[in-house]
Amino acid sequence: MESANHGGASFWVSIPQLGIGGATDPGGISQISTNGTVLQTKAFANLPPGSISSGGCSPTGLAVAGNGNMLVGCGNAATQAILLDKDGNFIKSVGLGSLGGTDELWYDPTTNKFYVTGGPGGSTPGTRFFDVVDANGNVLQTVTVPTTTSAHSITVNPLNGDVWVPIAAGAGCPSGCIAVFAPVPGPIAGAGLPGLILAAGGLVALARRRRQKIA
């Protein structure tokens, strides 16, 4: 469960299950005032048909963009993210059937983009990723990270656009590390999308440093 402040007047909280729909309950979100009053609850079970894949949702991360749109990540693998307007009304599904296994997502006001973690789910090592999504719910890029069982957190440095993703110990990262992705310069300043520049183990950068351009 995560929350995001909306204009200082209330908080939106993602809820993995609401008790609607039994075992397939897709969860939802609630709007809570700053004094703790629940103002409204939006059950994803009530979204238009076809908005949620058969895998459901189980909401996890939630973030608010500069235009007021909210993106809610789904913890179930191979599902989608859900884009809502500032009042919690459904706009669109993002990456339907292919984006899921999300734990945390981030909105960066400098780039005006969401950064959404995800992957195959479960405890078996596999390729985790983060997706770059614009404020209107368009997937701009899918970025792979080193094979790991856990790459669930993400943050963006607002000063330079670097994306930081913690990686659990595993192949190529025996002690655990942080993968750092820097924007590859685009034709317009600030328009670049992330490419891996280094992985750091503890406080010491690994010898491997490479710059990988990702479309």
C-alpha atoms as a PDB file:
ATOM      1  CA  MET A   1       0.000   0.000   0.000  1.00  0.00           C
ATOM      2  CA  GLU A   2       1.310   3.427  -0.936  1.00  0.00           C
ATOM      3  CA  SER A   3      -0.106   6.915  -0.911  1.00  0.00           C
ATOM      4  CA  ALA A   4       0.368  10.181  -2.736  1.00  0.00           C
ATOM      5  CA  ASN A   5      -0.613  13.689  -1.707  1.00  0.00           C
ATOM      6  CA  HIS A   6      -2.909  15.521  -4.108  1.00  0.00           C
ATOM      7  CA  GLY A   7      -2.545  19.294  -3.999  1.00  0.00           C
ATOM      8  CA  GLY A   8      -2.128  19.295  -0.214  1.00  0.00           C
ATOM      9  CA  ALA A   9      -5.891  18.729   0.281  1.00  0.00           C
ATOM     10  CA  SER A  10      -6.023  14.945   0.483  1.00  0.00           C
ATOM     11  CA  PHE A  11      -4.124  11.689   0.056  1.00  0.00           C
ATOM     12  CA  TRP A  12      -4.779   8.870  -2.394  1.00  0.00           C
ATOM     13  CA  VAL A  13      -3.970   5.412  -1.008  1.00  0.00           C
ATOM     14  CA  SER A  14      -3.608   2.223  -3.073  1.00  0.00           C
ATOM     15  CA  ILE A  15      -5.271  -0.849  -1.556  1.00  0.00           C
ATOM     16  CA  PRO A  16      -4.318  -4.396  -2.701  1.00  0.00           C
ATOM     17  CA  GLN A  17      -7.759  -5.872  -1.903  1.00  0.00           C
ATOM     18  CA  LEU A  18     -11.148  -4.370  -1.056  1.00  0.00           C
ATOM     19  CA  GLY A  19     -13.128  -7.574  -0.460  1.00  0.00           C
ATOM     20  CA  ILE A  20     -14.919  -7.220  -3.801  1.00  0.00           C
ATOM     21  CA  GLY A  21     -14.722 -10.084  -6.284  1.00  0.00           C
ATOM     22  CA  GLY A  22     -13.438 -12.825  -3.994  1.00  0.00           C
ATOM     23  CA  ALA A  23     -10.149 -14.431  -5.016  1.00  0.00           C
ATOM     24  CA  THR A  24     -10.001 -12.217  -8.109  1.00  0.00           C
ATOM     25  CA  ASP A  25     -10.547  -8.964  -6.181  1.00  0.00           C
ATOM     26  CA  PRO A  26      -8.426  -6.412  -8.079  1.00  0.00           C
ATOM     27  CA  GLY A  27      -8.334  -3.911  -5.189  1.00  0.00           C
ATOM     28  CA  GLY A  28      -8.607  -0.161  -5.671  1.00  0.00           C
ATOM     29  CA  ILE A  29      -7.769   3.221  -4.190  1.00  0.00           C
ATOM     30  CA  SER A  30      -9.200   5.524  -1.525  1.00  0.00           C
ATOM     31  CA  GLN A  31      -9.076   9.291  -1.136  1.00  0.00           C
ATOM     32  CA  ILE A  32      -8.457  10.402   2.453  1.00  0.00           C
ATOM     33  CA  SER A  33      -8.592  13.959   3.738  1.00  0.00           C
ATOM     34  CA  THR A  34      -5.757  15.442   5.771  1.00  0.00           C
ATOM     35  CA  ASN A  35      -7.860  14.975   8.926  1.00  0.00           C
ATOM     36  CA  GLY A  36      -8.233  11.244   8.260  1.00  0.00           C
ATOM     37  CA  THR A  37     -11.722  11.145   6.752  1.00  0.00           C
ATOM     38  CA  VAL A  38     -12.255   8.667   3.906  1.00  0.00           C
ATOM     39  CA  LEU A  39     -13.764  10.794   1.137  1.00  0.00           C
ATOM     40  CA  GLN A  40     -14.277   8.105  -1.487  1.00  0.00           C
ATOM     41  CA  THR A  41     -13.137   4.657  -2.567  1.00  0.00           C
ATOM     42  CA  LYS A  42     -12.678   3.563  -6.167  1.00  0.00           C
ATOM     43  CA  ALA A  43     -12.976  -0.214  -6.607  1.00  0.00           C
ATOM     44  CA  PHE A  44     -11.116  -1.488  -9.662  1.00  0.00           C
ATOM     45  CA  ALA A  45     -13.729  -4.260  -9.862  1.00  0.00           C
ATOM     46  CA  ASN A  46     -16.051  -1.517 -11.167  1.00  0.00           C
ATOM     47  CA  LEU A  47     -13.773  -0.368 -13.998  1.00  0.00           C
ATOM     48  CA  PRO A  48     -15.081  -0.744 -17.573  1.00  0.00           C
ATOM     49  CA  PRO A  49     -14.904  -4.299 -18.994  1.00  0.00           C
ATOM     50  CA  GLY A  50     -11.502  -5.069 -20.490  1.00  0.00           C
ATOM     51  CA  SER A  51      -9.707  -2.467 -18.361  1.00  0.00           C
ATOM     52  CA  ILE A  52      -7.956  -5.134 -16.275  1.00  0.00           C
ATOM     53  CA  SER A  53      -6.357  -8.320 -17.595  1.00  0.00           C
ATOM     54  CA  SER A  54      -7.299 -11.766 -16.264  1.00  0.00           C
ATOM     55  CA  GLY A  55      -4.386 -11.506 -13.821  1.00  0.00           C
ATOM     56  CA  GLY A  56      -6.186  -8.755 -11.898  1.00  0.00           C
ATOM     57  CA  CYS A  57      -4.210  -5.927 -10.302  1.00  0.00           C
ATOM     58  CA  SER A  58      -3.540  -5.861  -6.523  1.00  0.00           C
ATOM     59  CA  PRO A  59      -2.534  -2.157  -6.427  1.00  0.00           C
ATOM     60  CA  THR A  60       0.894  -1.299  -5.047  1.00  0.00           C
ATOM     61  CA  GLY A  61       2.686   1.940  -5.951  1.00  0.00           C
ATOM     62  CA  LEU A  62       0.816   5.164  -6.663  1.00  0.00           C
ATOM     63  CA  ALA A  63       2.119   8.517  -7.864  1.00  0.00           C
ATOM     64  CA  VAL A  64       0.615  11.822  -9.011  1.00  0.00           C
ATOM     65  CA  ALA A  65       1.861  13.657 -12.113  1.00  0.00           C
ATOM     66  CA  GLY A  66       2.114  17.397 -12.560  1.00  0.00           C
ATOM     67  CA  ASN A  67      -1.128  17.447 -14.564  1.00  0.00           C
ATOM     68  CA  GLY A  68      -2.964  15.702 -11.722  1.00  0.00           C
ATOM     69  CA  ASN A  69      -3.172  12.292 -13.387  1.00  0.00           C
ATOM     70  CA  MET A  70      -2.381   9.353 -11.115  1.00  0.00           C
ATOM     71  CA  LEU A  71      -0.686   6.113 -12.106  1.00  0.00           C
ATOM     72  CA  VAL A  72      -1.326   3.020  -9.979  1.00  0.00           C
ATOM     73  CA  GLY A  73       1.016   0.038 -10.305  1.00  0.00           C
ATOM     74  CA  CYS A  74      -0.323  -3.519 -10.108  1.00  0.00           C
ATOM     75  CA  GLY A  75       1.531  -6.100  -8.027  1.00  0.00           C
ATOM     76  CA  ASN A  76       0.275  -9.043 -10.079  1.00  0.00           C
ATOM     77  CA  ALA A  77       2.689 -10.016 -12.846  1.00  0.00           C
ATOM     78  CA  ALA A  78       1.879  -9.519 -16.543  1.00  0.00           C
ATOM     79  CA  THR A  79      -1.113  -7.292 -15.881  1.00  0.00           C
ATOM     80  CA  GLN A  80      -1.061  -3.500 -16.331  1.00  0.00           C
ATOM     81  CA  ALA A  81      -0.891  -0.152 -14.599  1.00  0.00           C
ATOM     82  CA  ILE A  82      -3.989   2.018 -14.210  1.00  0.00           C
ATOM     83  CA  LEU A  83      -4.087   5.718 -15.164  1.00  0.00           C
ATOM     84  CA  LEU A  84      -6.667   7.858 -13.353  1.00  0.00           C
ATOM     85  CA  ASP A  85      -7.510  11.551 -13.409  1.00  0.00           C
ATOM     86  CA  LYS A  86      -7.163  13.870 -10.415  1.00  0.00           C
ATOM     87  CA  ASP A  87     -10.587  12.782  -9.117  1.00  0.00           C
ATOM     88  CA  GLY A  88      -9.783   9.078  -9.351  1.00  0.00           C
ATOM     89  CA  ASN A  89     -11.763   8.473 -12.544  1.00  0.00           C
ATOM     90  CA  PHE A  90     -10.459   5.863 -14.984  1.00  0.00           C
ATOM     91  CA  ILE A  91      -8.578   7.153 -18.041  1.00  0.00           C
ATOM     92  CA  LYS A  92      -6.845   4.092 -19.499  1.00  0.00           C
ATOM     93  CA  SER A  93      -4.978   0.883 -18.823  1.00  0.00           C
ATOM     94  CA  VAL A  94      -1.234   1.142 -19.402  1.00  0.00           C
ATOM     95  CA  GLY A  95       0.616  -1.851 -20.879  1.00  0.00           C
ATOM     96  CA  LEU A  96      -2.429  -4.120 -20.658  1.00  0.00           C
ATOM     97  CA  GLY A  97      -1.272  -7.728 -20.270  1.00  0.00           C
ATOM     98  CA  SER A  98       2.422  -6.883 -20.256  1.00  0.00           C
ATOM     99  CA  LEU A  99       3.179  -4.439 -17.426  1.00  0.00           C
ATOM    100  CA  GLY A 100       2.876  -5.723 -13.884  1.00  0.00           C
ATOM    101  CA  GLY A 101       4.697  -7.249 -10.932  1.00  0.00           C
ATOM    102  CA  THR A 102       5.092  -3.664  -9.737  1.00  0.00           C
ATOM    103  CA  ASP A 103       6.127  -2.807  -6.213  1.00  0.00           C
ATOM    104  CA  GLU A 104       7.014   0.865  -6.440  1.00  0.00           C
ATOM    105  CA  LEU A 105       6.678   3.612  -8.985  1.00  0.00           C
ATOM    106  CA  TRP A 106       7.994   7.153  -9.080  1.00  0.00           C
ATOM    107  CA  TYR A 107       6.988  10.401 -10.737  1.00  0.00           C
ATOM    108  CA  ASP A 108       9.762  12.835 -11.591  1.00  0.00           C
ATOM    109  CA  PRO A 109       8.544  16.434 -12.080  1.00  0.00           C
ATOM    110  CA  THR A 110      11.675  17.433 -14.002  1.00  0.00           C
ATOM    111  CA  THR A 111      11.194  14.890 -16.790  1.00  0.00           C
ATOM    112  CA  ASN A 112       7.396  14.778 -16.318  1.00  0.00           C
ATOM    113  CA  LYS A 113       7.475  10.982 -16.458  1.00  0.00           C
ATOM    114  CA  PHE A 114       6.488   8.004 -14.322  1.00  0.00           C
ATOM    115  CA  TYR A 115       9.064   5.268 -13.623  1.00  0.00           C
ATOM    116  CA  VAL A 116       7.376   1.928 -12.918  1.00  0.00           C
ATOM    117  CA  THR A 117       9.157  -1.174 -11.598  1.00  0.00           C
ATOM    118  CA  GLY A 118       7.982  -4.626 -12.657  1.00  0.00           C
ATOM    119  CA  GLY A 119       8.856  -8.126 -13.717  1.00  0.00           C
ATOM    120  CA  PRO A 120       7.754 -11.746 -13.820  1.00  0.00           C
ATOM    121  CA  GLY A 121       6.941 -11.992 -10.107  1.00  0.00           C
ATOM    122  CA  GLY A 122       7.754 -14.794  -7.685  1.00  0.00           C
ATOM    123  CA  SER A 123      11.076 -15.623  -6.016  1.00  0.00           C
ATOM    124  CA  THR A 124      12.826 -17.223  -9.007  1.00  0.00           C
ATOM    125  CA  PRO A 125      15.584 -15.022 -10.430  1.00  0.00           C
ATOM    126  CA  GLY A 126      14.559 -13.391 -13.670  1.00  0.00           C
ATOM    127  CA  THR A 127      14.742 -10.197 -15.642  1.00  0.00           C
ATOM    128  CA  ARG A 128      13.172  -7.308 -13.784  1.00  0.00           C
ATOM    129  CA  PHE A 129      12.604  -3.984 -15.480  1.00  0.00           C
ATOM    130  CA  PHE A 130      11.285  -0.504 -15.134  1.00  0.00           C
ATOM    131  CA  ASP A 131       9.059   1.218 -17.634  1.00  0.00           C
ATOM    132  CA  VAL A 132       9.151   4.922 -18.457  1.00  0.00           C
ATOM    133  CA  VAL A 133       5.621   6.272 -18.898  1.00  0.00           C
ATOM    134  CA  ASP A 134       4.567   9.821 -19.729  1.00  0.00           C
ATOM    135  CA  ALA A 135       1.936  11.729 -17.753  1.00  0.00           C
ATOM    136  CA  ASN A 136      -0.757  10.701 -20.259  1.00  0.00           C
ATOM    137  CA  GLY A 137      -0.072   6.983 -19.864  1.00  0.00           C
ATOM    138  CA  ASN A 138       2.035   6.314 -22.947  1.00  0.00           C
ATOM    139  CA  VAL A 139       4.827   3.749 -22.428  1.00  0.00           C
ATOM    140  CA  LEU A 140       7.985   5.363 -23.794  1.00  0.00           C
ATOM    141  CA  GLN A 141      10.566   2.737 -22.877  1.00  0.00           C
ATOM    142  CA  THR A 142      11.111  -0.598 -21.133  1.00  0.00           C
ATOM    143  CA  VAL A 143      14.513  -0.905 -19.452  1.00  0.00           C
ATOM    144  CA  THR A 144      15.951  -4.247 -18.303  1.00  0.00           C
ATOM    145  CA  VAL A 145      18.088  -4.514 -15.173  1.00  0.00           C
ATOM    146  CA  PRO A 146      20.600  -7.211 -14.126  1.00  0.00           C
ATOM    147  CA  THR A 147      18.985 -10.597 -13.416  1.00  0.00           C
ATOM    148  CA  THR A 148      17.704 -10.567  -9.842  1.00  0.00           C
ATOM    149  CA  THR A 149      14.891 -11.699  -7.583  1.00  0.00           C
ATOM    150  CA  SER A 150      14.308  -8.188  -6.273  1.00  0.00           C
ATOM    151  CA  ALA A 151      14.415  -4.839  -8.034  1.00  0.00           C
ATOM    152  CA  HIS A 152      11.312  -3.356  -6.509  1.00  0.00           C
ATOM    153  CA  SER A 153      12.404   0.164  -5.521  1.00  0.00           C
ATOM    154  CA  ILE A 154      13.168   3.098  -7.777  1.00  0.00           C
ATOM    155  CA  THR A 155      13.980   6.789  -7.503  1.00  0.00           C
ATOM    156  CA  VAL A 156      15.039   9.563  -9.877  1.00  0.00           C
ATOM    157  CA  ASN A 157      17.550  12.329  -9.221  1.00  0.00           C
ATOM    158  CA  PRO A 158      15.658  15.518 -10.198  1.00  0.00           C
ATOM    159  CA  LEU A 159      18.935  17.371 -10.833  1.00  0.00           C
ATOM    160  CA  ASN A 160      20.256  15.161 -13.634  1.00  0.00           C
ATOM    161  CA  GLY A 161      17.545  12.578 -14.428  1.00  0.00           C
ATOM    162  CA  ASP A 162      19.592   9.575 -13.242  1.00  0.00           C
ATOM    163  CA  VAL A 163      17.430   6.594 -12.295  1.00  0.00           C
ATOM    164  CA  TRP A 164      18.560   4.515  -9.288  1.00  0.00           C
ATOM    165  CA  VAL A 165      17.362   0.905  -8.904  1.00  0.00           C
ATOM    166  CA  PRO A 166      18.550  -1.284  -5.988  1.00  0.00           C
ATOM    167  CA  ILE A 167      19.427  -4.846  -7.050  1.00  0.00           C
ATOM    168  CA  ALA A 168      19.485  -7.867  -4.722  1.00  0.00           C
ATOM    169  CA  ALA A 169      22.587 -10.052  -4.528  1.00  0.00           C
ATOM    170  CA  GLY A 170      22.916 -12.395  -7.486  1.00  0.00           C
ATOM    171  CA  ALA A 171      24.757 -13.079 -10.713  1.00  0.00           C
ATOM    172  CA  GLY A 172      26.940 -10.114 -11.645  1.00  0.00           C
ATOM    173  CA  CYS A 173      26.085  -8.430  -8.372  1.00  0.00           C
ATOM    174  CA  PRO A 174      27.303 -10.806  -5.615  1.00  0.00           C
ATOM    175  CA  SER A 175      26.948  -8.382  -2.716  1.00  0.00           C
ATOM    176  CA  GLY A 176      23.923  -6.485  -3.948  1.00  0.00           C
ATOM    177  CA  CYS A 177      24.250  -3.212  -5.808  1.00  0.00           C
ATOM    178  CA  ILE A 178      22.502  -0.202  -7.222  1.00  0.00           C
ATOM    179  CA  ALA A 179      22.046   0.063 -10.975  1.00  0.00           C
ATOM    180  CA  VAL A 180      22.223   3.665 -12.158  1.00  0.00           C
ATOM    181  CA  PHE A 181      20.703   4.669 -15.472  1.00  0.00           C
ATOM    182  CA  ALA A 182      21.461   8.048 -17.034  1.00  0.00           C
ATOM    183  CA  PRO A 183      19.437   9.775 -19.763  1.00  0.00           C
ATOM    184  CA  VAL A 184      20.913   9.313 -23.226  1.00  0.00           C
ATOM    185  CA  PRO A 185      20.840  12.807 -24.781  1.00  0.00           C
ATOM    186  CA  GLY A 186      18.023  13.317 -27.256  1.00  0.00           C
ATOM    187  CA  PRO A 187      17.527  15.965 -29.928  1.00  0.00           C
ATOM    188  CA  ILE A 188      15.888  18.210 -27.332  1.00  0.00           C
ATOM    189  CA  ALA A 189      17.550  18.986 -23.999  1.00  0.00           C
ATOM    190  CA  GLY A 190      16.079  16.768 -21.297  1.00  0.00           C
ATOM    191  CA  ALA A 191      14.357  14.490 -23.807  1.00  0.00           C
ATOM    192  CA  GLY A 192      16.731  11.535 -23.421  1.00  0.00           C
ATOM    193  CA  LEU A 193      15.660   8.163 -22.062  1.00  0.00           C
ATOM    194  CA  PRO A 194      17.681   6.093 -19.552  1.00  0.00           C
ATOM    195  CA  GLY A 195      20.676   3.897 -20.333  1.00  0.00           C
ATOM    196  CA  LEU A 196      22.715   1.932 -17.762  1.00  0.00           C
ATOM    197  CA  ILE A 197      25.942   3.653 -16.723  1.00  0.00           C
ATOM    198  CA  LEU A 198      27.107   1.770 -13.639  1.00  0.00           C
ATOM    199  CA  ALA A 199      26.280  -0.580 -10.820  1.00  0.00           C
ATOM    200  CA  ALA A 200      27.632   0.172  -7.355  1.00  0.00           C
ATOM    201  CA  GLY A 201      28.210  -2.438  -4.649  1.00  0.00           C
ATOM    202  CA  GLY A 202      27.974  -0.865  -1.196  1.00  0.00           C
ATOM    203  CA  LEU A 203      29.838   2.426  -1.426  1.00  0.00           C
ATOM    204  CA  VAL A 204      32.356   1.261  -4.001  1.00  0.00           C
ATOM    205  CA  ALA A 205      31.607   1.364  -7.725  1.00  0.00           C
ATOM    206  CA  LEU A 206      32.272  -1.871  -9.558  1.00  0.00           C
ATOM    207  CA  ALA A 207      34.969  -1.792 -12.183  1.00  0.00           C
ATOM    208  CA  ARG A 208      32.427  -2.432 -14.880  1.00  0.00           C
ATOM    209  CA  ARG A 209      31.259   0.848 -16.331  1.00  0.00           C
ATOM    210  CA  ARG A 210      29.439   0.966 -19.560  1.00  0.00           C
ATOM    211  CA  ARG A 211      27.159   3.328 -21.371  1.00  0.00           C
ATOM    212  CA  GLN A 212      24.338   1.577 -23.133  1.00  0.00           C
ATOM    213  CA  LYS A 213      21.978   3.455 -25.400  1.00  0.00           C
ATOM    214  CA  ILE A 214      18.464   2.142 -25.150  1.00  0.00           C
ATOM    215  CA  ALA A 215      15.924   3.302 -27.711  1.00  0.00           C
END
